[in-house]
């Protein structure tokens, strides 16, 4: 089931991941560090997108794309070329 937003062409819709407030060892992360997190999960992709699929966790270029809120969730609409890597493992 989609989220109700369907990207076109080479655009990708990412659900933005919120950075944790603490590390696994219990250290508090400052707000500045949490704001710089550039990881998201692919929710949907346009017809021209190759190499990534819905559900992939990816790292994207900071300050790219269009941020939007839809039904209480934060998303980023981004060009495929601004996606830099898949997170594996």
PDB file of N, CA and C in Angstrom:
ATOM      1  N   UNK A   1       0.830  -1.181   0.000  1.00  0.00           N
ATOM      2  CA  UNK A   1       0.000   0.000   0.000  1.00  0.00           C
ATOM      3  C   UNK A   1       0.876   1.247   0.000  1.00  0.00           C
ATOM      4  N   UNK A   2       0.612   2.165  -0.914  1.00  0.00           N
ATOM      5  CA  UNK A   2       1.375   3.391  -1.011  1.00  0.00           C
ATOM      6  C   UNK A   2       0.938   4.414   0.019  1.00  0.00           C
ATOM      7  N   UNK A   3       1.663   5.511   0.041  1.00  0.00           N
ATOM      8  CA  UNK A   3       1.360   6.567   1.005  1.00  0.00           C
ATOM      9  C   UNK A   3       0.459   7.639   0.411  1.00  0.00           C
ATOM     10  N   UNK A   4       0.130   7.531  -0.872  1.00  0.00           N
ATOM     11  CA  UNK A   4      -0.718   8.526  -1.509  1.00  0.00           C
ATOM     12  C   UNK A   4       0.063   9.570  -2.284  1.00  0.00           C
ATOM     13  N   UNK A   5       1.384   9.401  -2.388  1.00  0.00           N
ATOM     14  CA  UNK A   5       2.238  10.284  -3.181  1.00  0.00           C
ATOM     15  C   UNK A   5       3.005   9.395  -4.146  1.00  0.00           C
ATOM     16  N   UNK A   6       2.882   9.659  -5.436  1.00  0.00           N
ATOM     17  CA  UNK A   6       3.567   8.852  -6.444  1.00  0.00           C
ATOM     18  C   UNK A   6       4.542   9.734  -7.219  1.00  0.00           C
ATOM     19  N   UNK A   7       5.858   9.559  -7.001  1.00  0.00           N
ATOM     20  CA  UNK A   7       6.842  10.351  -7.720  1.00  0.00           C
ATOM     21  C   UNK A   7       6.810  10.045  -9.226  1.00  0.00           C
ATOM     22  N   UNK A   8       7.230  11.012 -10.030  1.00  0.00           N
ATOM     23  CA  UNK A   8       7.298  10.796 -11.474  1.00  0.00           C
ATOM     24  C   UNK A   8       8.752  10.873 -11.938  1.00  0.00           C
ATOM     25  N   UNK A   9       9.022  10.289 -13.106  1.00  0.00           N
ATOM     26  CA  UNK A   9      10.361  10.349 -13.697  1.00  0.00           C
ATOM     27  C   UNK A   9      11.420   9.758 -12.808  1.00  0.00           C
ATOM     28  N   UNK A  10      12.440  10.566 -12.517  1.00  0.00           N
ATOM     29  CA  UNK A  10      13.582  10.105 -11.729  1.00  0.00           C
ATOM     30  C   UNK A  10      13.496  10.510 -10.256  1.00  0.00           C
ATOM     31  N   UNK A  11      12.302  10.835  -9.797  1.00  0.00           N
ATOM     32  CA  UNK A  11      12.124  11.256  -8.410  1.00  0.00           C
ATOM     33  C   UNK A  11      11.858  10.064  -7.494  1.00  0.00           C
ATOM     34  N   UNK A  12      12.297  10.196  -6.248  1.00  0.00           N
ATOM     35  CA  UNK A  12      12.160   9.145  -5.240  1.00  0.00           C
ATOM     36  C   UNK A  12      11.560   9.778  -3.983  1.00  0.00           C
ATOM     37  N   UNK A  13      10.610   9.094  -3.373  1.00  0.00           N
ATOM     38  CA  UNK A  13      10.017   9.540  -2.113  1.00  0.00           C
ATOM     39  C   UNK A  13      10.630   8.737  -0.977  1.00  0.00           C
ATOM     40  N   UNK A  14      11.265   9.445  -0.048  1.00  0.00           N
ATOM     41  CA  UNK A  14      11.898   8.803   1.105  1.00  0.00           C
ATOM     42  C   UNK A  14      11.140   9.146   2.377  1.00  0.00           C
ATOM     43  N   UNK A  15      10.934   8.156   3.226  1.00  0.00           N
ATOM     44  CA  UNK A  15      10.475   8.399   4.592  1.00  0.00           C
ATOM     45  C   UNK A  15      11.731   8.715   5.385  1.00  0.00           C
ATOM     46  N   UNK A  16      11.787   9.902   5.938  1.00  0.00           N
ATOM     47  CA  UNK A  16      12.990  10.325   6.646  1.00  0.00           C
ATOM     48  C   UNK A  16      13.090   9.618   7.989  1.00  0.00           C
ATOM     49  N   UNK A  17      14.286   9.128   8.287  1.00  0.00           N
ATOM     50  CA  UNK A  17      14.521   8.468   9.570  1.00  0.00           C
ATOM     51  C   UNK A  17      14.867   9.515  10.601  1.00  0.00           C
ATOM     52  N   UNK A  18      14.291   9.386  11.758  1.00  0.00           N
ATOM     53  CA  UNK A  18      14.638  10.268  12.867  1.00  0.00           C
ATOM     54  C   UNK A  18      15.834   9.683  13.598  1.00  0.00           C
ATOM     55  N   UNK A  19      16.804  10.539  13.864  1.00  0.00           N
ATOM     56  CA  UNK A  19      17.998  10.090  14.580  1.00  0.00           C
ATOM     57  C   UNK A  19      17.638   9.803  16.030  1.00  0.00           C
ATOM     58  N   UNK A  20      18.238   8.776  16.609  1.00  0.00           N
ATOM     59  CA  UNK A  20      17.960   8.491  18.021  1.00  0.00           C
ATOM     60  C   UNK A  20      18.506   9.599  18.917  1.00  0.00           C
ATOM     61  N   UNK A  21      17.885   9.777  20.066  1.00  0.00           N
ATOM     62  CA  UNK A  21      18.349  10.785  21.012  1.00  0.00           C
ATOM     63  C   UNK A  21      19.565  10.302  21.793  1.00  0.00           C
ATOM     64  N   UNK A  22      19.748   8.972  21.855  1.00  0.00           N
ATOM     65  CA  UNK A  22      20.867   8.380  22.588  1.00  0.00           C
ATOM     66  C   UNK A  22      21.552   7.340  21.725  1.00  0.00           C
ATOM     67  N   UNK A  23      22.842   7.144  21.982  1.00  0.00           N
ATOM     68  CA  UNK A  23      23.566   6.051  21.336  1.00  0.00           C
ATOM     69  C   UNK A  23      23.233   4.753  22.063  1.00  0.00           C
ATOM     70  N   UNK A  24      23.682   3.627  21.515  1.00  0.00           N
ATOM     71  CA  UNK A  24      23.431   2.325  22.138  1.00  0.00           C
ATOM     72  C   UNK A  24      24.050   2.255  23.540  1.00  0.00           C
ATOM     73  N   UNK A  25      25.142   3.006  23.746  1.00  0.00           N
ATOM     74  CA  UNK A  25      25.791   2.985  25.060  1.00  0.00           C
ATOM     75  C   UNK A  25      25.193   3.997  26.033  1.00  0.00           C
ATOM     76  N   UNK A  26      24.184   4.777  25.580  1.00  0.00           N
ATOM     77  CA  UNK A  26      23.491   5.678  26.484  1.00  0.00           C
ATOM     78  C   UNK A  26      23.918   7.137  26.412  1.00  0.00           C
ATOM     79  N   UNK A  27      24.858   7.462  25.510  1.00  0.00           N
ATOM     80  CA  UNK A  27      25.281   8.857  25.378  1.00  0.00           C
ATOM     81  C   UNK A  27      24.208   9.656  24.643  1.00  0.00           C
ATOM     82  N   UNK A  28      23.930  10.850  25.120  1.00  0.00           N
ATOM     83  CA  UNK A  28      22.952  11.718  24.481  1.00  0.00           C
ATOM     84  C   UNK A  28      23.574  12.368  23.245  1.00  0.00           C
ATOM     85  N   UNK A  29      22.842  12.354  22.138  1.00  0.00           N
ATOM     86  CA  UNK A  29      23.311  13.006  20.921  1.00  0.00           C
ATOM     87  C   UNK A  29      22.790  14.435  20.880  1.00  0.00           C
ATOM     88  N   UNK A  30      23.656  15.403  20.574  1.00  0.00           N
ATOM     89  CA  UNK A  30      23.177  16.788  20.489  1.00  0.00           C
ATOM     90  C   UNK A  30      22.243  16.967  19.297  1.00  0.00           C
ATOM     91  N   UNK A  31      21.381  17.955  19.378  1.00  0.00           N
ATOM     92  CA  UNK A  31      20.407  18.237  18.316  1.00  0.00           C
ATOM     93  C   UNK A  31      21.092  18.452  16.971  1.00  0.00           C
ATOM     94  N   UNK A  32      22.245  19.121  16.966  1.00  0.00           N
ATOM     95  CA  UNK A  32      22.961  19.386  15.712  1.00  0.00           C
ATOM     96  C   UNK A  32      23.346  18.088  15.010  1.00  0.00           C
ATOM     97  N   UNK A  33      23.758  17.097  15.749  1.00  0.00           N
ATOM     98  CA  UNK A  33      24.138  15.806  15.169  1.00  0.00           C
ATOM     99  C   UNK A  33      22.917  15.090  14.611  1.00  0.00           C
ATOM    100  N   UNK A  34      21.798  15.195  15.310  1.00  0.00           N
ATOM    101  CA  UNK A  34      20.575  14.528  14.841  1.00  0.00           C
ATOM    102  C   UNK A  34      20.028  15.189  13.579  1.00  0.00           C
ATOM    103  N   UNK A  35      20.209  16.510  13.441  1.00  0.00           N
ATOM    104  CA  UNK A  35      19.726  17.217  12.261  1.00  0.00           C
ATOM    105  C   UNK A  35      20.506  16.841  11.013  1.00  0.00           C
ATOM    106  N   UNK A  36      21.745  16.398  11.172  1.00  0.00           N
ATOM    107  CA  UNK A  36      22.602  16.086  10.027  1.00  0.00           C
ATOM    108  C   UNK A  36      22.402  14.669   9.498  1.00  0.00           C
ATOM    109  N   UNK A  37      21.537  13.905  10.105  1.00  0.00           N
ATOM    110  CA  UNK A  37      21.313  12.538   9.651  1.00  0.00           C
ATOM    111  C   UNK A  37      20.665  12.555   8.273  1.00  0.00           C
ATOM    112  N   UNK A  38      21.238  11.850   7.333  1.00  0.00           N
ATOM    113  CA  UNK A  38      20.755  11.852   5.954  1.00  0.00           C
ATOM    114  C   UNK A  38      20.454  10.431   5.493  1.00  0.00           C
ATOM    115  N   UNK A  39      19.608   9.748   6.252  1.00  0.00           N
ATOM    116  CA  UNK A  39      19.221   8.381   5.934  1.00  0.00           C
ATOM    117  C   UNK A  39      17.704   8.332   5.819  1.00  0.00           C
ATOM    118  N   UNK A  40      17.230   7.602   4.814  1.00  0.00           N
ATOM    119  CA  UNK A  40      15.799   7.458   4.637  1.00  0.00           C
ATOM    120  C   UNK A  40      15.453   6.111   4.037  1.00  0.00           C
ATOM    121  N   UNK A  41      14.181   5.787   4.040  1.00  0.00           N
ATOM    122  CA  UNK A  41      13.695   4.523   3.479  1.00  0.00           C
ATOM    123  C   UNK A  41      12.849   4.851   2.256  1.00  0.00           C
ATOM    124  N   UNK A  42      13.140   4.171   1.146  1.00  0.00           N
ATOM    125  CA  UNK A  42      12.421   4.414  -0.099  1.00  0.00           C
ATOM    126  C   UNK A  42      10.972   3.949   0.050  1.00  0.00           C
ATOM    127  N   UNK A  43      10.036   4.889  -0.099  1.00  0.00           N
ATOM    128  CA  UNK A  43       8.604   4.588  -0.028  1.00  0.00           C
ATOM    129  C   UNK A  43       8.025   4.335  -1.411  1.00  0.00           C
ATOM    130  N   UNK A  44       8.481   5.100  -2.394  1.00  0.00           N
ATOM    131  CA  UNK A  44       8.060   4.905  -3.778  1.00  0.00           C
ATOM    132  C   UNK A  44       9.050   5.604  -4.691  1.00  0.00           C
ATOM    133  N   UNK A  45       9.042   5.198  -5.969  1.00  0.00           N
ATOM    134  CA  UNK A  45      10.003   5.732  -6.931  1.00  0.00           C
ATOM    135  C   UNK A  45       9.338   5.909  -8.285  1.00  0.00           C
ATOM    136  N   UNK A  46       9.803   6.902  -9.039  1.00  0.00           N
ATOM    137  CA  UNK A  46       9.299   7.163 -10.375  1.00  0.00           C
ATOM    138  C   UNK A  46       9.702   6.065 -11.353  1.00  0.00           C
ATOM    139  N   UNK A  47       9.096   6.094 -12.520  1.00  0.00           N
ATOM    140  CA  UNK A  47       9.286   5.040 -13.515  1.00  0.00           C
ATOM    141  C   UNK A  47      10.700   4.992 -14.095  1.00  0.00           C
ATOM    142  N   UNK A  48      11.466   6.069 -14.014  1.00  0.00           N
ATOM    143  CA  UNK A  48      12.814   6.103 -14.582  1.00  0.00           C
ATOM    144  C   UNK A  48      13.899   5.734 -13.574  1.00  0.00           C
ATOM    145  N   UNK A  49      13.541   5.437 -12.346  1.00  0.00           N
ATOM    146  CA  UNK A  49      14.514   5.128 -11.294  1.00  0.00           C
ATOM    147  C   UNK A  49      15.012   3.693 -11.452  1.00  0.00           C
ATOM    148  N   UNK A  50      16.330   3.535 -11.448  1.00  0.00           N
ATOM    149  CA  UNK A  50      16.966   2.219 -11.559  1.00  0.00           C
ATOM    150  C   UNK A  50      17.907   2.021 -10.369  1.00  0.00           C
ATOM    151  N   UNK A  51      18.056   0.817  -9.922  1.00  0.00           N
ATOM    152  CA  UNK A  51      19.060   0.501  -8.905  1.00  0.00           C
ATOM    153  C   UNK A  51      18.608   0.573  -7.458  1.00  0.00           C
ATOM    154  N   UNK A  52      17.445   1.121  -7.201  1.00  0.00           N
ATOM    155  CA  UNK A  52      16.912   1.099  -5.845  1.00  0.00           C
ATOM    156  C   UNK A  52      15.464   0.658  -5.894  1.00  0.00           C
ATOM    157  N   UNK A  53      14.995   0.117  -4.793  1.00  0.00           N
ATOM    158  CA  UNK A  53      13.637  -0.416  -4.721  1.00  0.00           C
ATOM    159  C   UNK A  53      12.928   0.090  -3.478  1.00  0.00           C
ATOM    160  N   UNK A  54      11.616  -0.004  -3.485  1.00  0.00           N
ATOM    161  CA  UNK A  54      10.822   0.334  -2.309  1.00  0.00           C
ATOM    162  C   UNK A  54      11.308  -0.517  -1.144  1.00  0.00           C
ATOM    163  N   UNK A  55      11.516   0.100  -0.008  1.00  0.00           N
ATOM    164  CA  UNK A  55      11.991  -0.598   1.181  1.00  0.00           C
ATOM    165  C   UNK A  55      13.487  -0.472   1.406  1.00  0.00           C
ATOM    166  N   UNK A  56      14.246  -0.039   0.382  1.00  0.00           N
ATOM    167  CA  UNK A  56      15.688   0.141   0.558  1.00  0.00           C
ATOM    168  C   UNK A  56      15.956   1.289   1.521  1.00  0.00           C
ATOM    169  N   UNK A  57      16.968   1.122   2.339  1.00  0.00           N
ATOM    170  CA  UNK A  57      17.428   2.179   3.236  1.00  0.00           C
ATOM    171  C   UNK A  57      18.602   2.840   2.532  1.00  0.00           C
ATOM    172  N   UNK A  58      18.556   4.150   2.347  1.00  0.00           N
ATOM    173  CA  UNK A  58      19.568   4.846   1.555  1.00  0.00           C
ATOM    174  C   UNK A  58      20.118   6.065   2.293  1.00  0.00           C
ATOM    175  N   UNK A  59      21.306   6.478   1.845  1.00  0.00           N
ATOM    176  CA  UNK A  59      21.943   7.701   2.321  1.00  0.00           C
ATOM    177  C   UNK A  59      21.838   8.713   1.186  1.00  0.00           C
ATOM    178  N   UNK A  60      21.390   9.915   1.498  1.00  0.00           N
ATOM    179  CA  UNK A  60      21.208  10.924   0.463  1.00  0.00           C
ATOM    180  C   UNK A  60      22.043  12.164   0.773  1.00  0.00           C
ATOM    181  N   UNK A  61      22.260  12.971  -0.247  1.00  0.00           N
ATOM    182  CA  UNK A  61      23.034  14.202  -0.140  1.00  0.00           C
ATOM    183  C   UNK A  61      22.292  15.199   0.741  1.00  0.00           C
ATOM    184  N   UNK A  62      23.015  15.771   1.696  1.00  0.00           N
ATOM    185  CA  UNK A  62      22.419  16.740   2.611  1.00  0.00           C
ATOM    186  C   UNK A  62      21.977  17.984   1.840  1.00  0.00           C
ATOM    187  N   UNK A  63      20.916  18.608   2.257  1.00  0.00           N
ATOM    188  CA  UNK A  63      20.343  19.828   1.680  1.00  0.00           C
ATOM    189  C   UNK A  63      19.748  19.613   0.290  1.00  0.00           C
ATOM    190  N   UNK A  64      19.401  18.400  -0.066  1.00  0.00           N
ATOM    191  CA  UNK A  64      18.791  18.162  -1.368  1.00  0.00           C
ATOM    192  C   UNK A  64      17.326  17.787  -1.196  1.00  0.00           C
ATOM    193  N   UNK A  65      16.582  17.911  -2.261  1.00  0.00           N
ATOM    194  CA  UNK A  65      15.190  17.494  -2.259  1.00  0.00           C
ATOM    195  C   UNK A  65      14.239  18.491  -1.618  1.00  0.00           C
ATOM    196  N   UNK A  66      12.994  18.068  -1.546  1.00  0.00           N
ATOM    197  CA  UNK A  66      11.917  18.879  -0.977  1.00  0.00           C
ATOM    198  C   UNK A  66      11.333  18.138   0.219  1.00  0.00           C
ATOM    199  N   UNK A  67      11.426  18.752   1.394  1.00  0.00           N
ATOM    200  CA  UNK A  67      10.861  18.144   2.592  1.00  0.00           C
ATOM    201  C   UNK A  67       9.368  18.415   2.625  1.00  0.00           C
ATOM    202  N   UNK A  68       8.612  17.402   3.049  1.00  0.00           N
ATOM    203  CA  UNK A  68       7.181  17.590   3.212  1.00  0.00           C
ATOM    204  C   UNK A  68       6.659  16.693   4.315  1.00  0.00           C
ATOM    205  N   UNK A  69       5.537  17.102   4.878  1.00  0.00           N
ATOM    206  CA  UNK A  69       4.864  16.287   5.890  1.00  0.00           C
ATOM    207  C   UNK A  69       3.544  15.836   5.283  1.00  0.00           C
ATOM    208  N   UNK A  70       3.282  14.540   5.372  1.00  0.00           N
ATOM    209  CA  UNK A  70       2.058  13.969   4.804  1.00  0.00           C
ATOM    210  C   UNK A  70       1.493  12.986   5.795  1.00  0.00           C
ATOM    211  N   UNK A  71       0.305  13.255   6.270  1.00  0.00           N
ATOM    212  CA  UNK A  71      -0.392  12.395   7.219  1.00  0.00           C
ATOM    213  C   UNK A  71       0.457  12.078   8.456  1.00  0.00           C
ATOM    214  N   UNK A  72       1.129  13.112   8.980  1.00  0.00           N
ATOM    215  CA  UNK A  72       1.898  12.974  10.210  1.00  0.00           C
ATOM    216  C   UNK A  72       3.277  12.384  10.060  1.00  0.00           C
ATOM    217  N   UNK A  73       3.726  12.083   8.843  1.00  0.00           N
ATOM    218  CA  UNK A  73       5.044  11.485   8.601  1.00  0.00           C
ATOM    219  C   UNK A  73       5.894  12.475   7.791  1.00  0.00           C
ATOM    220  N   UNK A  74       7.183  12.541   8.096  1.00  0.00           N
ATOM    221  CA  UNK A  74       8.102  13.397   7.342  1.00  0.00           C
ATOM    222  C   UNK A  74       8.662  12.633   6.152  1.00  0.00           C
ATOM    223  N   UNK A  75       8.610  13.276   4.987  1.00  0.00           N
ATOM    224  CA  UNK A  75       9.113  12.684   3.743  1.00  0.00           C
ATOM    225  C   UNK A  75      10.065  13.647   3.064  1.00  0.00           C
ATOM    226  N   UNK A  76      10.843  13.093   2.147  1.00  0.00           N
ATOM    227  CA  UNK A  76      11.729  13.881   1.306  1.00  0.00           C
ATOM    228  C   UNK A  76      11.525  13.413  -0.121  1.00  0.00           C
ATOM    229  N   UNK A  77      11.211  14.336  -1.009  1.00  0.00           N
ATOM    230  CA  UNK A  77      11.075  14.050  -2.432  1.00  0.00           C
ATOM    231  C   UNK A  77      12.386  14.491  -3.070  1.00  0.00           C
ATOM    232  N   UNK A  78      13.114  13.539  -3.653  1.00  0.00           N
ATOM    233  CA  UNK A  78      14.497  13.762  -4.043  1.00  0.00           C
ATOM    234  C   UNK A  78      14.773  13.161  -5.410  1.00  0.00           C
ATOM    235  N   UNK A  79      15.732  13.732  -6.139  1.00  0.00           N
ATOM    236  CA  UNK A  79      16.154  13.143  -7.411  1.00  0.00           C
ATOM    237  C   UNK A  79      17.011  11.911  -7.125  1.00  0.00           C
ATOM    238  N   UNK A  80      16.905  10.923  -7.997  1.00  0.00           N
ATOM    239  CA  UNK A  80      17.696   9.704  -7.820  1.00  0.00           C
ATOM    240  C   UNK A  80      19.188  10.012  -7.746  1.00  0.00           C
ATOM    241  N   UNK A  81      19.654  10.982  -8.505  1.00  0.00           N
ATOM    242  CA  UNK A  81      21.080  11.313  -8.531  1.00  0.00           C
ATOM    243  C   UNK A  81      21.603  11.831  -7.180  1.00  0.00           C
ATOM    244  N   UNK A  82      20.717  12.281  -6.299  1.00  0.00           N
ATOM    245  CA  UNK A  82      21.121  12.760  -4.984  1.00  0.00           C
ATOM    246  C   UNK A  82      21.212  11.641  -3.944  1.00  0.00           C
ATOM    247  N   UNK A  83      20.859  10.431  -4.335  1.00  0.00           N
ATOM    248  CA  UNK A  83      21.031   9.277  -3.460  1.00  0.00           C
ATOM    249  C   UNK A  83      22.446   8.756  -3.656  1.00  0.00           C
ATOM    250  N   UNK A  84      23.194   8.643  -2.567  1.00  0.00           N
ATOM    251  CA  UNK A  84      24.603   8.328  -2.661  1.00  0.00           C
ATOM    252  C   UNK A  84      24.935   6.879  -2.380  1.00  0.00           C
ATOM    253  N   UNK A  85      24.121   6.188  -1.589  1.00  0.00           N
ATOM    254  CA  UNK A  85      24.455   4.810  -1.240  1.00  0.00           C
ATOM    255  C   UNK A  85      23.248   4.098  -0.656  1.00  0.00           C
ATOM    256  N   UNK A  86      23.278   2.761  -0.750  1.00  0.00           N
ATOM    257  CA  UNK A  86      22.308   1.929  -0.039  1.00  0.00           C
ATOM    258  C   UNK A  86      22.949   1.465   1.255  1.00  0.00           C
ATOM    259  N   UNK A  87      22.145   1.370   2.288  1.00  0.00           N
ATOM    260  CA  UNK A  87      22.628   0.820   3.565  1.00  0.00           C
ATOM    261  C   UNK A  87      22.328  -0.675   3.513  1.00  0.00           C
ATOM    262  N   UNK A  88      23.361  -1.490   3.655  1.00  0.00           N
ATOM    263  CA  UNK A  88      23.182  -2.951   3.617  1.00  0.00           C
ATOM    264  C   UNK A  88      23.568  -3.550   4.953  1.00  0.00           C
ATOM    265  N   UNK A  89      22.960  -4.670   5.241  1.00  0.00           N
ATOM    266  CA  UNK A  89      23.304  -5.405   6.462  1.00  0.00           C
ATOM    267  C   UNK A  89      22.587  -5.012   7.694  1.00  0.00           C
TER     268      UNK A  89
END
